[in-house]
N, C-alpha and C. Protein backbone atom coordinates (compact mmCIF):
# COMPACT_ATOMS: atom_id res chain seq x y z
N GLU A 1 -52.79 -67.78 -44.52
CA GLU A 1 -53.50 -66.91 -43.44
C GLU A 1 -54.34 -66.49 -44.02
N VAL A 2 -55.45 -66.77 -43.93
CA VAL A 2 -57.09 -66.53 -44.56
C VAL A 2 -57.87 -65.51 -43.91
N GLY A 3 -57.77 -64.79 -44.42
CA GLY A 3 -57.96 -62.85 -44.57
C GLY A 3 -57.29 -62.15 -44.57
N LYS A 4 -56.01 -62.51 -45.01
CA LYS A 4 -55.03 -61.49 -44.50
C LYS A 4 -54.83 -60.13 -46.34
N HIS A 5 -55.77 -60.84 -46.67
CA HIS A 5 -56.08 -60.14 -48.56
C HIS A 5 -57.48 -59.75 -47.55
N GLY A 6 -57.84 -59.14 -47.33
CA GLY A 6 -59.76 -58.71 -46.95
C GLY A 6 -61.11 -59.61 -46.81
N ILE A 7 -61.93 -58.95 -46.26
CA ILE A 7 -62.94 -60.26 -46.11
C ILE A 7 -63.35 -60.86 -47.57
N GLN A 8 -63.26 -60.35 -48.88
CA GLN A 8 -63.49 -60.62 -49.72
C GLN A 8 -63.11 -62.67 -49.61
N GLU A 9 -62.26 -62.55 -49.08
CA GLU A 9 -60.65 -63.46 -49.02
C GLU A 9 -61.53 -64.25 -48.52
N ILE A 10 -61.99 -64.19 -47.37
CA ILE A 10 -62.83 -65.36 -46.56
C ILE A 10 -64.45 -65.50 -46.61
N ARG A 11 -64.75 -64.41 -47.45
CA ARG A 11 -66.24 -65.21 -48.38
C ARG A 11 -65.75 -65.41 -48.87
N SER A 12 -65.09 -66.25 -49.73
CA SER A 12 -65.27 -66.96 -51.06
C SER A 12 -64.01 -68.29 -50.63
N HIS A 13 -63.98 -68.44 -48.82
CA HIS A 13 -63.21 -69.42 -48.88
C HIS A 13 -63.56 -70.68 -48.66
N LYS A 14 -63.70 -71.70 -48.66
CA LYS A 14 -65.00 -72.63 -48.72
C LYS A 14 -66.13 -73.38 -48.28
N TYR A 15 -64.72 -73.15 -46.45
CA TYR A 15 -65.47 -73.38 -45.14
C TYR A 15 -67.58 -72.67 -45.58
N PHE A 16 -67.00 -71.39 -45.96
CA PHE A 16 -68.68 -70.54 -45.95
C PHE A 16 -69.00 -70.51 -47.27
N GLN A 17 -69.06 -71.83 -48.04
CA GLN A 17 -70.00 -71.82 -49.58
C GLN A 17 -71.04 -71.77 -48.33
N GLY A 18 -71.95 -71.30 -49.51
CA GLY A 18 -73.47 -70.79 -49.05
C GLY A 18 -73.52 -70.35 -47.86
N PHE A 19 -72.62 -69.97 -47.61
CA PHE A 19 -73.02 -68.90 -46.45
C PHE A 19 -73.81 -67.66 -46.44
N ASP A 20 -75.15 -67.17 -45.99
CA ASP A 20 -76.21 -66.03 -46.49
C ASP A 20 -75.16 -65.09 -46.01
N TRP A 21 -74.61 -64.86 -46.33
CA TRP A 21 -74.02 -63.05 -46.38
C TRP A 21 -74.89 -62.03 -45.81
N ALA A 22 -75.69 -61.20 -46.84
CA ALA A 22 -76.30 -60.03 -47.18
C ALA A 22 -77.65 -60.51 -45.65
N GLY A 23 -78.09 -61.87 -45.98
CA GLY A 23 -78.23 -62.27 -44.59
C GLY A 23 -77.99 -61.23 -43.24
N ILE A 24 -76.96 -62.16 -43.13
CA ILE A 24 -76.18 -60.96 -41.83
C ILE A 24 -75.64 -60.04 -41.87
N VAL A 25 -76.08 -59.39 -43.15
CA VAL A 25 -75.70 -57.75 -43.22
C VAL A 25 -77.54 -57.55 -42.77
N LYS A 26 -77.80 -57.59 -43.61
CA LYS A 26 -79.82 -57.24 -43.07
C LYS A 26 -80.11 -57.67 -41.18
N GLN A 27 -79.16 -59.35 -40.81
CA GLN A 27 -79.94 -58.94 -39.20
C GLN A 27 -81.48 -59.57 -39.93
N THR A 28 -81.01 -61.05 -40.84
CA THR A 28 -82.49 -61.54 -41.01
C THR A 28 -82.28 -62.80 -40.77
N LEU A 29 -80.90 -63.34 -40.94
CA LEU A 29 -80.75 -64.99 -40.29
C LEU A 29 -81.59 -65.35 -38.73
N THR A 30 -81.42 -66.87 -39.15
CA THR A 30 -82.04 -67.00 -37.59
C THR A 30 -81.12 -68.19 -36.95
N THR A 31 -80.52 -68.10 -36.02
CA THR A 31 -80.56 -69.31 -35.25
C THR A 31 -80.66 -70.76 -35.40
N PRO A 32 -79.57 -71.31 -35.55
CA PRO A 32 -79.74 -73.11 -35.54
C PRO A 32 -81.01 -73.35 -34.29
N PHE A 33 -80.34 -72.64 -32.86
CA PHE A 33 -81.47 -73.68 -31.81
C PHE A 33 -82.34 -72.41 -30.97
N ARG A 34 -82.90 -72.04 -30.81
CA ARG A 34 -83.56 -70.89 -29.53
C ARG A 34 -83.31 -71.79 -28.28
N VAL A 35 -82.93 -70.85 -27.76
CA VAL A 35 -82.84 -71.31 -25.93
C VAL A 35 -83.84 -70.22 -25.36
N LYS A 36 -84.81 -71.84 -24.71
CA LYS A 36 -85.67 -71.53 -23.95
C LYS A 36 -84.91 -70.64 -22.82
N LEU A 37 -86.36 -69.59 -22.52
CA LEU A 37 -85.84 -68.32 -21.38
C LEU A 37 -86.81 -68.21 -20.61
N ASN A 38 -87.01 -67.97 -19.15
CA ASN A 38 -88.00 -68.17 -18.25
C ASN A 38 -87.85 -66.95 -17.68
N GLY A 39 -87.56 -65.57 -18.18
CA GLY A 39 -87.27 -64.23 -17.67
C GLY A 39 -85.79 -63.86 -18.50
N PRO A 40 -85.72 -61.89 -17.72
CA PRO A 40 -84.47 -61.70 -18.20
C PRO A 40 -83.08 -62.12 -18.07
N LEU A 41 -83.60 -62.72 -16.50
CA LEU A 41 -81.83 -62.80 -15.32
C LEU A 41 -82.10 -64.18 -14.92
N ASP A 42 -83.13 -65.25 -16.51
CA ASP A 42 -83.00 -66.60 -16.73
C ASP A 42 -81.73 -67.31 -16.29
N HIS A 43 -80.99 -68.09 -16.04
CA HIS A 43 -79.20 -68.54 -15.66
C HIS A 43 -79.92 -69.92 -16.00
N SER A 44 -80.26 -70.61 -15.76
CA SER A 44 -80.84 -72.23 -15.55
C SER A 44 -79.74 -72.76 -17.30
N ASN A 45 -79.76 -72.31 -18.32
CA ASN A 45 -78.87 -73.05 -19.07
C ASN A 45 -77.42 -72.87 -18.87
N PHE A 46 -77.34 -71.85 -18.14
CA PHE A 46 -75.32 -72.50 -17.47
C PHE A 46 -75.13 -73.34 -16.33
N ASP A 47 -74.25 -73.17 -16.29
CA ASP A 47 -73.43 -74.45 -15.37
C ASP A 47 -74.03 -73.92 -13.34
N ARG A 48 -73.93 -74.68 -12.66
CA ARG A 48 -73.95 -73.58 -11.11
C ARG A 48 -72.67 -73.86 -10.97
N PHE A 49 -71.85 -72.91 -10.13
CA PHE A 49 -70.78 -73.03 -9.37
C PHE A 49 -70.50 -72.18 -8.06
N THR A 50 -69.61 -72.35 -6.99
CA THR A 50 -70.10 -72.25 -5.95
C THR A 50 -68.63 -70.78 -6.51
N MET A 51 -69.57 -69.60 -5.45
CA MET A 51 -68.09 -68.24 -5.17
C MET A 51 -66.87 -69.23 -4.29
N ASP A 52 -65.54 -67.98 -4.55
CA ASP A 52 -64.53 -68.78 -3.96
C ASP A 52 -65.05 -67.65 -2.81
N GLU A 53 -64.01 -68.28 -1.68
CA GLU A 53 -64.36 -67.85 -0.56
C GLU A 53 -63.92 -66.65 0.20
N GLN A 54 -62.33 -66.99 -0.42
CA GLN A 54 -61.51 -66.38 -0.13
C GLN A 54 -61.00 -64.89 -1.19
N GLU A 55 -60.94 -64.08 -1.39
CA GLU A 55 -60.39 -63.43 -2.66
C GLU A 55 -59.21 -64.04 -3.23
N ALA A 56 -58.17 -63.62 -4.59
CA ALA A 56 -57.24 -63.88 -4.26
C ALA A 56 -56.34 -63.18 -3.78
N PRO A 57 -54.70 -63.27 -3.63
CA PRO A 57 -54.25 -62.24 -3.52
C PRO A 57 -54.07 -61.46 -3.78
N ASP A 58 -53.48 -60.67 -3.49
CA ASP A 58 -52.75 -59.12 -5.04
C ASP A 58 -51.53 -59.73 -5.11
N GLU A 59 -51.53 -60.13 -6.83
CA GLU A 59 -49.93 -59.84 -6.83
C GLU A 59 -49.52 -59.06 -7.48
N LEU A 60 -47.87 -58.94 -6.51
CA LEU A 60 -47.14 -57.80 -6.17
C LEU A 60 -45.76 -58.00 -6.88
N SER A 61 -45.28 -58.94 -7.74
CA SER A 61 -43.66 -59.41 -7.71
C SER A 61 -43.64 -58.00 -8.39
N GLY A 62 -44.43 -57.40 -9.27
CA GLY A 62 -43.32 -56.38 -9.62
C GLY A 62 -43.71 -56.19 -11.64
N TRP A 63 -44.03 -57.38 -12.13
CA TRP A 63 -43.34 -57.87 -13.72
C TRP A 63 -44.72 -56.34 -14.10
N ASP A 64 -44.71 -56.01 -14.03
CA ASP A 64 -45.52 -54.71 -14.64
C ASP A 64 -45.30 -53.30 -14.71
N ALA A 65 -44.25 -53.55 -13.52
CA ALA A 65 -43.39 -51.31 -13.99
C ALA A 65 -43.44 -50.97 -14.04
N ASN A 66 -43.24 -51.21 -15.66
CA ASN A 66 -42.72 -50.84 -17.29
C ASN A 66 -43.61 -49.95 -17.45
N PHE A 67 -45.12 -50.52 -17.16
CA PHE A 67 -46.12 -50.52 -18.16
C PHE A 67 -46.64 -48.95 -17.10
C-alpha cells in the first residue's frame, strides 16, 4: 500500500521520479497543455448532452431508515 507510511513514501516512489514537488508547493508548475476558453462560461470543451425530460422517481425502499 503506497502512502501507508506517509507522504514522503509517496514522494520517493519511482512513479514520481523527477516530479517537481517544490514547484507544486510554490504553485509554479505549468500545465502540460492549455485549454482555450472564450470566457468564464465557455463550455465548448465538454460533450453536449440533453437534459432528462422526467425527474427520477423518489426512492422509497427504506434502505436508509437506520441512518
